[in-house]
Structure formats: structure tokens, C-alpha cells
Amino acid sequence: MVTYKGKNLLIDCGPDFREQMLRQNSPNLEALLITHSHYDHVGGVDDLRPYCALGDSFPLYCRHDVAEDLRARVPYCFAEAPYPGVPAFTITEITNRPLRVADIDTVPLEVMHHSLPIIGFKIGNLAYITDAKTIPECTLQIIRGIDTLVINALRFKEHHSHLSLEQALKVIEEVKPRVAYLTHMSHDIGPAAETALRLPEGVKLAYDGLIIHIPDPE
């Protein structure tokens, strides 16, 4: 969840969403940005129903392929005559062009999840990238020198669709953020206390419930 200019934007909505929001005292949400439609990134979409109260539809922003998958995955949310009480969503299909979400400038970031094109997001001085295996030069140009970079690092060994720790560190070295947080880690990343000792300065392991304060861009 990114809080910027007094608004809360949610990036992805995994199966733990309900518990995560309860721990945060159920904050208001303006919109959901979706990187891609794999279950661990959209499995909690049905739990957005409290944010669709009083008949309002909740805004989702995603690629065309993600929109098609969601309509097939939760068709009751998009029925012509929906059952009373089901979540109601308004989908805005996005490309790699910058857009405004809840009056916040948002830049989609093209990355590849093996052969699947997906997107990360740049919001203010934050770049959020998950599930990437390769990052094109056009995206690197956008995020070079960013204050805070969140990027996936699945494990030490090579993986066909995710960056390994070594590969993620190479991206961080090229982007040169002030600080980088590693996310989307598997158990193969090892005990956090031990792995943290192997990371270069300015690179940290993220964890559920972590709060990061990011300075506004000048």
C-alpha cells in the first residue's frame, strides 16, 4: 500500500489481503493497481467488497490480459444483474503510458516475467517491481537514480521467471537507488538474519508490515 498526497493506492491484492488490512486498521483505499493476474497477486480481490459499500464500484487499473482474466476468475463481479452484495469493480485498462490514479501521477514500468509482459509502478520517488526476470532499457531509464526501489529476488539459484538475488543486486547496482528493498522471496533465500549480512549497503530485505518513509521528489 502506497500512501501519497493523502491517498492510499494498493499494488496487487494477494490472498493475505484481508489479514494485512485488519492489521493496519482497515485504511481507506482509492484504487488497486495490478501487476499481473497470477493468483498470489489477485487472490484477495473478493475481499475488496467492503470497499464497494453503498453500491459504489471500486477502481482497478491493469493490462488488458489481466482484465480478461479477472472477468473469467470472478465473473459474478461483472454480471449484468449482479447478486446483491458482491464486489463491484470498474476496470481501467492501462498500457505503458503514464496516467493519473486518484489524482496521483503513476508511471507503469514494463518488465518481463519470463515470457509474460507485466508491469511495475513508479509513484513519486518509489519504483515497485515484482516478479521480473528481465527489465528493458526503457524501464531502467525511468527508474535510474530513484530514491527507493522495491524489487523481487526469489532465491540464490537461477530461476526461469524470477530474478535471483545476484541478478536483483545487478539491477540495483545499475539503477543506483538510495535504498532498495528485496521482495517476493521464497524460503530458499535463507533465514533473514543470515541473508541480511550478505547484502551490500543500502539493500534490505522487506517483510510483511514494513513501513517505509520516502522523501518527495524535488
C-alpha atoms as a PDB file:
ATOM      1  CA  MET A   1       0.000   0.000   0.000  1.00  0.00           C
ATOM      2  CA  VAL A   2       1.423   3.346  -1.107  1.00  0.00           C
ATOM      3  CA  THR A   3       0.290   6.469   0.736  1.00  0.00           C
ATOM      4  CA  TYR A   4       0.996   9.586  -1.299  1.00  0.00           C
ATOM      5  CA  LYS A   5      -0.570  13.039  -1.165  1.00  0.00           C
ATOM      6  CA  GLY A   6      -3.083  11.776   1.373  1.00  0.00           C
ATOM      7  CA  LYS A   7      -4.317   8.938  -0.863  1.00  0.00           C
ATOM      8  CA  ASN A   8      -3.813   5.175  -0.486  1.00  0.00           C
ATOM      9  CA  LEU A   9      -3.093   3.104  -3.582  1.00  0.00           C
ATOM     10  CA  LEU A  10      -2.917  -0.675  -3.318  1.00  0.00           C
ATOM     11  CA  ILE A  11      -0.482  -2.558  -5.548  1.00  0.00           C
ATOM     12  CA  ASP A  12      -1.724  -6.127  -6.059  1.00  0.00           C
ATOM     13  CA  CYS A  13      -4.180  -7.906  -3.799  1.00  0.00           C
ATOM     14  CA  GLY A  14      -2.907 -11.306  -2.695  1.00  0.00           C
ATOM     15  CA  PRO A  15      -4.658 -13.997  -0.659  1.00  0.00           C
ATOM     16  CA  ASP A  16      -3.394 -12.472   2.621  1.00  0.00           C
ATOM     17  CA  PHE A  17      -5.033  -9.116   1.871  1.00  0.00           C
ATOM     18  CA  ARG A  18      -7.785  -9.404   4.498  1.00  0.00           C
ATOM     19  CA  GLU A  19      -5.392 -10.109   7.363  1.00  0.00           C
ATOM     20  CA  GLN A  20      -2.973  -7.437   6.164  1.00  0.00           C
ATOM     21  CA  MET A  21      -5.675  -4.766   6.108  1.00  0.00           C
ATOM     22  CA  LEU A  22      -7.005  -5.752   9.538  1.00  0.00           C
ATOM     23  CA  ARG A  23      -3.511  -5.345  10.979  1.00  0.00           C
ATOM     24  CA  GLN A  24      -3.466  -1.825   9.510  1.00  0.00           C
ATOM     25  CA  ASN A  25      -6.907  -0.953  10.964  1.00  0.00           C
ATOM     26  CA  SER A  26      -8.612  -1.160   7.569  1.00  0.00           C
ATOM     27  CA  PRO A  27      -7.402   2.088   5.981  1.00  0.00           C
ATOM     28  CA  ASN A  28      -9.255   3.735   3.130  1.00  0.00           C
ATOM     29  CA  LEU A  29      -8.192   2.713  -0.374  1.00  0.00           C
ATOM     30  CA  GLU A  30      -8.618   4.783  -3.520  1.00  0.00           C
ATOM     31  CA  ALA A  31      -7.698   2.171  -6.141  1.00  0.00           C
ATOM     32  CA  LEU A  32      -5.957  -1.126  -6.910  1.00  0.00           C
ATOM     33  CA  LEU A  33      -3.045  -1.306  -9.357  1.00  0.00           C
ATOM     34  CA  ILE A  34      -2.381  -4.847 -10.602  1.00  0.00           C
ATOM     35  CA  THR A  35       0.986  -6.022 -11.889  1.00  0.00           C
ATOM     36  CA  HIS A  36      -0.313  -9.293 -13.382  1.00  0.00           C
ATOM     37  CA  SER A  37      -3.001 -11.908 -12.809  1.00  0.00           C
ATOM     38  CA  HIS A  38      -1.159 -14.762 -11.092  1.00  0.00           C
ATOM     39  CA  TYR A  39      -3.072 -15.942  -8.029  1.00  0.00           C
ATOM     40  CA  ASP A  40      -0.591 -14.681  -5.450  1.00  0.00           C
ATOM     41  CA  HIS A  41      -1.212 -11.157  -6.791  1.00  0.00           C
ATOM     42  CA  VAL A  42      -5.002 -11.191  -7.220  1.00  0.00           C
ATOM     43  CA  GLY A  43      -6.242 -13.952  -4.886  1.00  0.00           C
ATOM     44  CA  GLY A  44      -7.663 -11.431  -2.405  1.00  0.00           C
ATOM     45  CA  VAL A  45      -9.720  -9.393  -4.864  1.00  0.00           C
ATOM     46  CA  ASP A  46     -13.028 -10.686  -3.471  1.00  0.00           C
ATOM     47  CA  ASP A  47     -12.054  -9.292  -0.063  1.00  0.00           C
ATOM     48  CA  LEU A  48     -12.236  -5.784  -1.521  1.00  0.00           C
ATOM     49  CA  ARG A  49     -16.009  -5.960  -1.134  1.00  0.00           C
ATOM     50  CA  PRO A  50     -16.065  -3.713   1.989  1.00  0.00           C
ATOM     51  CA  TYR A  51     -14.550  -1.009  -0.235  1.00  0.00           C
ATOM     52  CA  CYS A  52     -17.523  -1.350  -2.601  1.00  0.00           C
ATOM     53  CA  ALA A  53     -20.067  -0.331   0.037  1.00  0.00           C
ATOM     54  CA  LEU A  54     -23.244   1.571  -0.776  1.00  0.00           C
ATOM     55  CA  GLY A  55     -23.242   0.382  -4.363  1.00  0.00           C
ATOM     56  CA  ASP A  56     -20.040   2.154  -5.364  1.00  0.00           C
ATOM     57  CA  SER A  57     -17.670   0.335  -7.686  1.00  0.00           C
ATOM     58  CA  PHE A  58     -14.009   0.088  -6.738  1.00  0.00           C
ATOM     59  CA  PRO A  59     -11.479   1.157  -9.410  1.00  0.00           C
ATOM     60  CA  LEU A  60      -8.950  -1.353 -10.735  1.00  0.00           C
ATOM     61  CA  TYR A  61      -6.080  -0.484 -13.093  1.00  0.00           C
ATOM     62  CA  CYS A  62      -4.470  -3.274 -15.098  1.00  0.00           C
ATOM     63  CA  ARG A  63      -3.402  -4.530 -18.512  1.00  0.00           C
ATOM     64  CA  HIS A  64      -5.973  -5.894 -20.966  1.00  0.00           C
ATOM     65  CA  ASP A  65      -4.944  -9.520 -20.369  1.00  0.00           C
ATOM     66  CA  VAL A  66      -5.339  -9.071 -16.609  1.00  0.00           C
ATOM     67  CA  ALA A  67      -8.794  -7.554 -17.077  1.00  0.00           C
ATOM     68  CA  GLU A  68      -9.866 -10.525 -19.189  1.00  0.00           C
ATOM     69  CA  ASP A  69      -8.541 -12.948 -16.578  1.00  0.00           C
ATOM     70  CA  LEU A  70     -10.365 -11.186 -13.746  1.00  0.00           C
ATOM     71  CA  ARG A  71     -13.648 -11.263 -15.627  1.00  0.00           C
ATOM     72  CA  ALA A  72     -13.220 -15.021 -16.016  1.00  0.00           C
ATOM     73  CA  ARG A  73     -11.941 -15.575 -12.463  1.00  0.00           C
ATOM     74  CA  VAL A  74     -14.663 -13.628 -10.615  1.00  0.00           C
ATOM     75  CA  PRO A  75     -17.468 -13.348 -13.196  1.00  0.00           C
ATOM     76  CA  TYR A  76     -20.059 -12.584 -10.508  1.00  0.00           C
ATOM     77  CA  CYS A  77     -18.373  -9.206 -10.007  1.00  0.00           C
ATOM     78  CA  PHE A  78     -19.080  -8.230 -13.600  1.00  0.00           C
ATOM     79  CA  ALA A  79     -22.522  -9.749 -14.213  1.00  0.00           C
ATOM     80  CA  GLU A  80     -25.202  -7.656 -15.901  1.00  0.00           C
ATOM     81  CA  ALA A  81     -27.528  -8.401 -12.994  1.00  0.00           C
ATOM     82  CA  PRO A  82     -25.130  -8.996 -10.077  1.00  0.00           C
ATOM     83  CA  TYR A  83     -26.207 -10.779  -6.927  1.00  0.00           C
ATOM     84  CA  PRO A  84     -26.747  -8.256  -4.096  1.00  0.00           C
ATOM     85  CA  GLY A  85     -23.622  -7.704  -2.018  1.00  0.00           C
ATOM     86  CA  VAL A  86     -20.978  -8.926  -4.467  1.00  0.00           C
ATOM     87  CA  PRO A  87     -17.961  -6.686  -5.079  1.00  0.00           C
ATOM     88  CA  ALA A  88     -18.371  -4.187  -7.892  1.00  0.00           C
ATOM     89  CA  PHE A  89     -15.340  -3.098  -9.880  1.00  0.00           C
ATOM     90  CA  THR A  90     -14.613  -0.568 -12.580  1.00  0.00           C
ATOM     91  CA  ILE A  91     -11.630  -1.639 -14.662  1.00  0.00           C
ATOM     92  CA  THR A  92      -9.411   0.870 -16.425  1.00  0.00           C
ATOM     93  CA  GLU A  93      -7.119  -0.892 -18.878  1.00  0.00           C
ATOM     94  CA  ILE A  94      -3.634   0.581 -18.966  1.00  0.00           C
ATOM     95  CA  THR A  95      -0.546   0.335 -21.150  1.00  0.00           C
ATOM     96  CA  ASN A  96       2.944   1.640 -20.529  1.00  0.00           C
ATOM     97  CA  ARG A  97       1.769   5.244 -20.756  1.00  0.00           C
ATOM     98  CA  PRO A  98       1.770   7.450 -17.637  1.00  0.00           C
ATOM     99  CA  LEU A  99      -1.621   8.010 -16.065  1.00  0.00           C
ATOM    100  CA  ARG A 100      -3.299   9.623 -13.081  1.00  0.00           C
ATOM    101  CA  VAL A 101      -4.850   7.427 -10.422  1.00  0.00           C
ATOM    102  CA  ALA A 102      -6.835   9.264  -7.737  1.00  0.00           C
ATOM    103  CA  ASP A 103      -5.065  12.467  -8.859  1.00  0.00           C
ATOM    104  CA  ILE A 104      -1.666  10.817  -8.390  1.00  0.00           C
ATOM    105  CA  ASP A 105       0.797  10.659 -11.296  1.00  0.00           C
ATOM    106  CA  THR A 106       1.599   6.991 -11.873  1.00  0.00           C
ATOM    107  CA  VAL A 107       4.036   5.521 -14.374  1.00  0.00           C
ATOM    108  CA  PRO A 108       3.654   1.862 -15.430  1.00  0.00           C
ATOM    109  CA  LEU A 109       7.006   0.077 -15.703  1.00  0.00           C
ATOM    110  CA  GLU A 110       7.408  -2.603 -18.356  1.00  0.00           C
ATOM    111  CA  VAL A 111       9.114  -5.808 -17.193  1.00  0.00           C
ATOM    112  CA  MET A 112       9.071  -9.431 -18.319  1.00  0.00           C
ATOM    113  CA  HIS A 113       8.018 -12.337 -16.099  1.00  0.00           C
ATOM    114  CA  HIS A 114       9.741 -14.957 -18.272  1.00  0.00           C
ATOM    115  CA  SER A 115       7.646 -14.643 -21.489  1.00  0.00           C
ATOM    116  CA  LEU A 116       4.752 -12.796 -19.816  1.00  0.00           C
ATOM    117  CA  PRO A 117       4.752  -8.982 -20.101  1.00  0.00           C
ATOM    118  CA  ILE A 118       3.785  -7.469 -16.751  1.00  0.00           C
ATOM    119  CA  ILE A 119       4.096  -4.044 -15.151  1.00  0.00           C
ATOM    120  CA  GLY A 120       5.582  -2.417 -12.108  1.00  0.00           C
ATOM    121  CA  PHE A 121       4.771   1.101 -10.981  1.00  0.00           C
ATOM    122  CA  LYS A 122       6.594   4.350 -10.277  1.00  0.00           C
ATOM    123  CA  ILE A 123       4.787   6.597  -7.818  1.00  0.00           C
ATOM    124  CA  GLY A 124       6.614   9.683  -6.647  1.00  0.00           C
ATOM    125  CA  ASN A 125      10.084   8.627  -5.542  1.00  0.00           C
ATOM    126  CA  LEU A 126       9.183   4.921  -5.361  1.00  0.00           C
ATOM    127  CA  ALA A 127       9.649   2.268  -8.028  1.00  0.00           C
ATOM    128  CA  TYR A 128       7.899  -1.042  -7.301  1.00  0.00           C
ATOM    129  CA  ILE A 129       8.822  -4.076  -9.408  1.00  0.00           C
ATOM    130  CA  THR A 130       7.850  -7.646  -8.644  1.00  0.00           C
ATOM    131  CA  ASP A 131       8.063 -10.970 -10.490  1.00  0.00           C
ATOM    132  CA  ALA A 132      10.535  -9.603 -13.026  1.00  0.00           C
ATOM    133  CA  LYS A 133      13.030 -11.777 -14.835  1.00  0.00           C
ATOM    134  CA  THR A 134      14.229  -9.165 -17.326  1.00  0.00           C
ATOM    135  CA  ILE A 135      13.905  -5.383 -17.242  1.00  0.00           C
ATOM    136  CA  PRO A 136      14.113  -3.497 -20.544  1.00  0.00           C
ATOM    137  CA  GLU A 137      16.267  -0.435 -21.006  1.00  0.00           C
ATOM    138  CA  CYS A 138      13.204   1.812 -21.322  1.00  0.00           C
ATOM    139  CA  THR A 139      12.236   0.932 -17.752  1.00  0.00           C
ATOM    140  CA  LEU A 140      15.774   1.296 -16.431  1.00  0.00           C
ATOM    141  CA  GLN A 141      15.911   4.807 -17.875  1.00  0.00           C
ATOM    142  CA  ILE A 142      12.772   5.767 -15.954  1.00  0.00           C
ATOM    143  CA  ILE A 143      13.946   4.476 -12.578  1.00  0.00           C
ATOM    144  CA  ARG A 144      17.668   5.294 -12.570  1.00  0.00           C
ATOM    145  CA  GLY A 145      18.501   7.360  -9.504  1.00  0.00           C
ATOM    146  CA  ILE A 146      15.122   6.716  -7.859  1.00  0.00           C
ATOM    147  CA  ASP A 147      15.117   7.170  -4.090  1.00  0.00           C
ATOM    148  CA  THR A 148      13.515   3.829  -3.180  1.00  0.00           C
ATOM    149  CA  LEU A 149      13.412   0.685  -5.302  1.00  0.00           C
ATOM    150  CA  VAL A 150      11.420  -2.398  -4.358  1.00  0.00           C
ATOM    151  CA  ILE A 151      12.410  -5.386  -6.491  1.00  0.00           C
ATOM    152  CA  ASN A 152      11.935  -9.149  -6.436  1.00  0.00           C
ATOM    153  CA  ALA A 153      14.740 -11.557  -5.531  1.00  0.00           C
ATOM    154  CA  LEU A 154      13.347 -15.079  -5.340  1.00  0.00           C
ATOM    155  CA  ARG A 155      16.350 -17.112  -4.218  1.00  0.00           C
ATOM    156  CA  PHE A 156      20.086 -17.669  -4.709  1.00  0.00           C
ATOM    157  CA  LYS A 157      19.736 -20.162  -7.576  1.00  0.00           C
ATOM    158  CA  GLU A 158      18.763 -19.225 -11.133  1.00  0.00           C
ATOM    159  CA  HIS A 159      15.012 -19.294 -11.855  1.00  0.00           C
ATOM    160  CA  HIS A 160      13.297 -19.239 -15.235  1.00  0.00           C
ATOM    161  CA  SER A 161      10.847 -16.424 -14.460  1.00  0.00           C
ATOM    162  CA  HIS A 162      12.176 -14.529 -11.428  1.00  0.00           C
ATOM    163  CA  LEU A 163      15.343 -12.604 -10.689  1.00  0.00           C
ATOM    164  CA  SER A 164      17.771 -14.410  -8.444  1.00  0.00           C
ATOM    165  CA  LEU A 165      19.421 -12.497  -5.622  1.00  0.00           C
ATOM    166  CA  GLU A 166      22.571 -11.974  -7.686  1.00  0.00           C
ATOM    167  CA  GLN A 167      20.565 -10.723 -10.662  1.00  0.00           C
ATOM    168  CA  ALA A 168      18.494  -8.378  -8.496  1.00  0.00           C
ATOM    169  CA  LEU A 169      21.664  -6.913  -6.998  1.00  0.00           C
ATOM    170  CA  LYS A 170      22.994  -6.253 -10.508  1.00  0.00           C
ATOM    171  CA  VAL A 171      19.834  -4.322 -11.347  1.00  0.00           C
ATOM    172  CA  ILE A 172      20.142  -2.356  -8.106  1.00  0.00           C
ATOM    173  CA  GLU A 173      23.765  -1.550  -8.916  1.00  0.00           C
ATOM    174  CA  GLU A 174      22.729  -0.178 -12.305  1.00  0.00           C
ATOM    175  CA  VAL A 175      19.701   1.782 -11.040  1.00  0.00           C
ATOM    176  CA  LYS A 176      21.592   3.190  -8.039  1.00  0.00           C
ATOM    177  CA  PRO A 177      18.655   3.966  -5.749  1.00  0.00           C
ATOM    178  CA  ARG A 178      19.300   5.480  -2.342  1.00  0.00           C
ATOM    179  CA  VAL A 179      17.844   2.341  -0.802  1.00  0.00           C
ATOM    180  CA  ALA A 180      16.486  -0.923  -2.214  1.00  0.00           C
ATOM    181  CA  TYR A 181      14.165  -3.483  -0.630  1.00  0.00           C
ATOM    182  CA  LEU A 182      14.010  -7.082  -1.792  1.00  0.00           C
ATOM    183  CA  THR A 183      10.570  -8.655  -2.038  1.00  0.00           C
ATOM    184  CA  HIS A 184       8.849 -11.779  -3.409  1.00  0.00           C
ATOM    185  CA  MET A 185      11.409 -14.024  -1.703  1.00  0.00           C
ATOM    186  CA  SER A 186      10.980 -17.769  -1.286  1.00  0.00           C
ATOM    187  CA  HIS A 187      12.154 -19.926   1.606  1.00  0.00           C
ATOM    188  CA  ASP A 188      15.257 -20.604  -0.492  1.00  0.00           C
ATOM    189  CA  ILE A 189      16.506 -17.098   0.265  1.00  0.00           C
ATOM    190  CA  GLY A 190      17.504 -18.480   3.685  1.00  0.00           C
ATOM    191  CA  PRO A 191      16.997 -17.108   7.211  1.00  0.00           C
ATOM    192  CA  ALA A 192      16.547 -13.350   7.004  1.00  0.00           C
ATOM    193  CA  ALA A 193      19.079 -12.541   9.724  1.00  0.00           C
ATOM    194  CA  GLU A 194      21.772 -14.532   7.919  1.00  0.00           C
ATOM    195  CA  THR A 195      20.978 -13.340   4.407  1.00  0.00           C
ATOM    196  CA  ALA A 196      20.859  -9.685   5.509  1.00  0.00           C
ATOM    197  CA  LEU A 197      24.523  -9.919   6.461  1.00  0.00           C
ATOM    198  CA  ARG A 198      25.387 -10.798   2.860  1.00  0.00           C
ATOM    199  CA  LEU A 199      23.681  -7.777   1.328  1.00  0.00           C
ATOM    200  CA  PRO A 200      25.543  -4.633   0.258  1.00  0.00           C
ATOM    201  CA  GLU A 201      24.957  -1.320   1.992  1.00  0.00           C
ATOM    202  CA  GLY A 202      21.611   0.212   1.125  1.00  0.00           C
ATOM    203  CA  VAL A 203      19.940  -3.107   0.282  1.00  0.00           C
ATOM    204  CA  LYS A 204      17.466  -4.604   2.745  1.00  0.00           C
ATOM    205  CA  LEU A 205      15.040  -7.496   2.987  1.00  0.00           C
ATOM    206  CA  ALA A 206      11.392  -6.446   3.007  1.00  0.00           C
ATOM    207  CA  TYR A 207       8.841  -8.104   5.301  1.00  0.00           C
ATOM    208  CA  ASP A 208       5.092  -8.048   5.817  1.00  0.00           C
ATOM    209  CA  GLY A 209       4.101  -4.967   7.808  1.00  0.00           C
ATOM    210  CA  LEU A 210       7.228  -2.997   6.931  1.00  0.00           C
ATOM    211  CA  ILE A 211       6.663   0.773   6.790  1.00  0.00           C
ATOM    212  CA  ILE A 212       8.977   2.820   4.579  1.00  0.00           C
ATOM    213  CA  HIS A 213       9.101   6.620   4.615  1.00  0.00           C
ATOM    214  CA  ILE A 214      10.095   8.003   1.201  1.00  0.00           C
ATOM    215  CA  PRO A 215      11.017  11.660   0.614  1.00  0.00           C
ATOM    216  CA  ASP A 216       9.095  13.539  -2.066  1.00  0.00           C
ATOM    217  CA  PRO A 217      10.918  14.097  -5.350  1.00  0.00           C
ATOM    218  CA  GLU A 218      12.385  17.572  -5.645  1.00  0.00           C
END
